[in-house]
C-alpha atoms as a PDB file:
ATOM      1  CA  MET A   1      -0.330   0.290  -0.352  1.00  0.00           C
ATOM      2  CA  GLN A   2       1.449   3.085  -0.573  1.00  0.00           C
ATOM      3  CA  GLU A   3       2.356   6.360   2.316  1.00  0.00           C
ATOM      4  CA  ARG A   4      -0.179   9.127   1.991  1.00  0.00           C
ATOM      5  CA  SER A   5       1.364  12.399   2.141  1.00  0.00           C
ATOM      6  CA  GLU A   6       0.707  14.661   4.995  1.00  0.00           C
ATOM      7  CA  GLU A   7      -2.114  16.625   2.886  1.00  0.00           C
ATOM      8  CA  GLN A   8      -3.689  14.158   1.980  1.00  0.00           C
ATOM      9  CA  ILE A   9      -4.083  12.222   5.831  1.00  0.00           C
ATOM     10  CA  ILE A  10      -5.360  15.674   6.846  1.00  0.00           C
ATOM     11  CA  SER A  11      -7.487  15.821   3.830  1.00  0.00           C
ATOM     12  CA  ARG A  12      -9.507  12.351   4.368  1.00  0.00           C
ATOM     13  CA  LEU A  13      -9.380  13.133   8.084  1.00  0.00           C
ATOM     14  CA  LEU A  14     -11.636  15.793   7.468  1.00  0.00           C
ATOM     15  CA  GLU A  15     -13.695  13.743   4.944  1.00  0.00           C
ATOM     16  CA  LEU A  16     -14.588  11.501   7.840  1.00  0.00           C
ATOM     17  CA  GLU A  17     -14.729  13.501  10.591  1.00  0.00           C
ATOM     18  CA  ASN A  18     -17.590  16.040   8.194  1.00  0.00           C
ATOM     19  CA  GLY A  19     -19.595  12.224   7.972  1.00  0.00           C
ATOM     20  CA  GLY A  20     -19.752  11.770  11.731  1.00  0.00           C
ATOM     21  CA  GLN A  21     -17.384   9.050  11.898  1.00  0.00           C
ATOM     22  CA  ALA A  22     -15.068  11.157  14.783  1.00  0.00           C
ATOM     23  CA  GLU A  23     -14.748   9.084  17.369  1.00  0.00           C
ATOM     24  CA  ARG A  24     -14.211  11.714  20.275  1.00  0.00           C
ATOM     25  CA  ARG A  25     -14.621  15.874  19.627  1.00  0.00           C
ATOM     26  CA  ALA A  26     -14.201  18.737  21.740  1.00  0.00           C
ATOM     27  CA  GLU A  27     -14.785  22.499  20.446  1.00  0.00           C
ATOM     28  CA  LEU A  28     -12.198  25.277  21.741  1.00  0.00           C
ATOM     29  CA  THR A  29     -12.456  28.832  21.942  1.00  0.00           C
ATOM     30  CA  GLY A  30     -11.448  31.047  18.465  1.00  0.00           C
ATOM     31  CA  GLU A  31     -13.284  28.459  16.154  1.00  0.00           C
ATOM     32  CA  ARG A  32     -11.304  25.560  16.137  1.00  0.00           C
ATOM     33  CA  PHE A  33     -11.678  21.879  16.087  1.00  0.00           C
ATOM     34  CA  LEU A  34      -9.420  19.073  18.371  1.00  0.00           C
ATOM     35  CA  SER A  35     -10.809  15.394  17.450  1.00  0.00           C
ATOM     36  CA  LEU A  36      -9.586  11.918  17.476  1.00  0.00           C
ATOM     37  CA  ILE A  37     -10.426   9.735  15.190  1.00  0.00           C
ATOM     38  CA  GLN A  38      -9.229   6.660  13.404  1.00  0.00           C
ATOM     39  CA  ASP A  39      -9.364   5.917   9.700  1.00  0.00           C
ATOM     40  CA  PRO A  40     -11.052   2.600   8.484  1.00  0.00           C
ATOM     41  CA  ASP A  41      -8.936   2.103   5.486  1.00  0.00           C
ATOM     42  CA  SER A  42      -5.869   2.054   6.977  1.00  0.00           C
ATOM     43  CA  GLY A  43      -7.340   1.117  11.188  1.00  0.00           C
ATOM     44  CA  ARG A  44      -4.441   4.311  12.738  1.00  0.00           C
ATOM     45  CA  ALA A  45      -6.501   6.201  14.450  1.00  0.00           C
ATOM     46  CA  PHE A  46      -5.126  10.699  14.564  1.00  0.00           C
ATOM     47  CA  ILE A  47      -5.833  13.530  15.932  1.00  0.00           C
ATOM     48  CA  LEU A  48      -6.704  16.294  14.669  1.00  0.00           C
ATOM     49  CA  ARG A  49      -6.529  19.944  15.608  1.00  0.00           C
ATOM     50  CA  HIS A  50      -8.170  22.037  12.647  1.00  0.00           C
ATOM     51  CA  GLY A  51     -10.146  25.866  12.098  1.00  0.00           C
ATOM     52  CA  VAL A  52     -13.765  25.938   9.685  1.00  0.00           C
ATOM     53  CA  ASP A  53     -13.361  24.748   6.513  1.00  0.00           C
ATOM     54  CA  ASP A  54     -15.057  27.845   4.757  1.00  0.00           C
ATOM     55  CA  THR A  55     -13.604  26.645   1.585  1.00  0.00           C
ATOM     56  CA  GLU A  56     -16.264  23.376   1.512  1.00  0.00           C
ATOM     57  CA  GLY A  57     -13.198  20.675   0.641  1.00  0.00           C
ATOM     58  CA  ALA A  58     -11.032  23.245  -1.411  1.00  0.00           C
ATOM     59  CA  GLU A  59      -8.136  23.721   0.735  1.00  0.00           C
ATOM     60  CA  ILE A  60      -6.595  22.489   4.405  1.00  0.00           C
ATOM     61  CA  PRO A  61      -7.979  25.392   7.237  1.00  0.00           C
ATOM     62  CA  GLU A  62      -4.806  27.190   8.191  1.00  0.00           C
ATOM     63  CA  GLY A  63      -3.161  26.123  11.137  1.00  0.00           C
ATOM     64  CA  THR A  64      -4.487  22.170  10.763  1.00  0.00           C
ATOM     65  CA  GLU A  65      -2.413  20.674  13.141  1.00  0.00           C
ATOM     66  CA  LEU A  66      -2.145  15.814  12.656  1.00  0.00           C
ATOM     67  CA  TYR A  67      -0.838  13.930  15.318  1.00  0.00           C
ATOM     68  CA  ASP A  68      -0.815  10.284  14.568  1.00  0.00           C
ATOM     69  CA  GLU A  69      -1.611   8.194  17.782  1.00  0.00           C
ATOM     70  CA  THR A  70       1.538   7.385  18.829  1.00  0.00           C
ATOM     71  CA  ALA A  71       1.715  10.968  19.505  1.00  0.00           C
ATOM     72  CA  GLY A  72      -1.508  10.887  22.006  1.00  0.00           C
ATOM     73  CA  ALA A  73       0.873  11.841  25.209  1.00  0.00           C
ATOM     74  CA  GLU A  74       2.888  15.027  22.794  1.00  0.00           C
ATOM     75  CA  VAL A  75      -0.643  16.016  22.318  1.00  0.00           C
ATOM     76  CA  ARG A  76      -1.653  16.085  26.048  1.00  0.00           C
ATOM     77  CA  ASP A  77       1.236  17.077  27.196  1.00  0.00           C
ATOM     78  CA  ARG A  78       1.513  20.324  24.794  1.00  0.00           C
ATOM     79  CA  TYR A  79      -2.461  21.490  25.765  1.00  0.00           C
ATOM     80  CA  SER A  80      -2.915  20.428  28.946  1.00  0.00           C
ATOM     81  CA  ALA A  81      -1.297  23.174  30.533  1.00  0.00           C
ATOM     82  CA  SER A  82      -2.636  25.368  28.470  1.00  0.00           C
ATOM     83  CA  ASP A  83      -4.551  29.001  28.835  1.00  0.00           C
ATOM     84  CA  GLU A  84      -6.231  29.268  25.805  1.00  0.00           C
ATOM     85  CA  ASP A  85      -9.378  26.925  26.037  1.00  0.00           C
ATOM     86  CA  ASP A  86     -12.370  27.396  28.396  1.00  0.00           C
ATOM     87  CA  LEU A  87     -11.717  23.739  29.213  1.00  0.00           C
ATOM     88  CA  ILE A  88      -8.873  22.743  30.498  1.00  0.00           C
ATOM     89  CA  GLU A  89      -7.958  23.093  34.133  1.00  0.00           C
ATOM     90  CA  ASN A  90      -5.268  26.495  35.591  1.00  0.00           C
ATOM     91  CA  GLU A  91      -2.393  24.865  37.989  1.00  0.00           C
ATOM     92  CA  ASP A  92      -4.798  26.196  40.542  1.00  0.00           C
ATOM     93  CA  GLY A  93      -7.526  23.613  39.880  1.00  0.00           C
ATOM     94  CA  GLU A  94      -9.896  26.111  38.379  1.00  0.00           C
ATOM     95  CA  GLY A  95     -11.304  26.696  34.540  1.00  0.00           C
ATOM     96  CA  SER A  96     -10.065  29.509  32.862  1.00  0.00           C
ATOM     97  CA  GLU A  97     -12.652  32.611  33.231  1.00  0.00           C
ATOM     98  CA  PRO A  98     -14.562  33.459  29.855  1.00  0.00           C
END
């Protein structure tokens, strides 16, 4: 089986997500989303962070980030202490104020 480029993988995952096939999806602040998606064709799981697609699939949203299943801990560590999202607790145990 031929390896897909990162752009091809992201396009495929956005297609799956738009088809309602994301296992988990969270809306972040600023019209951004974080999704856990398993590609049924490859069996691989991915974490996708992206903005809103206003081009109906013609372009990948700016700032889109892709992590494969092995990067799950990296993503958790990167965003767990982030103060960018109201759903993530601060170090003092409280969510940030809107």
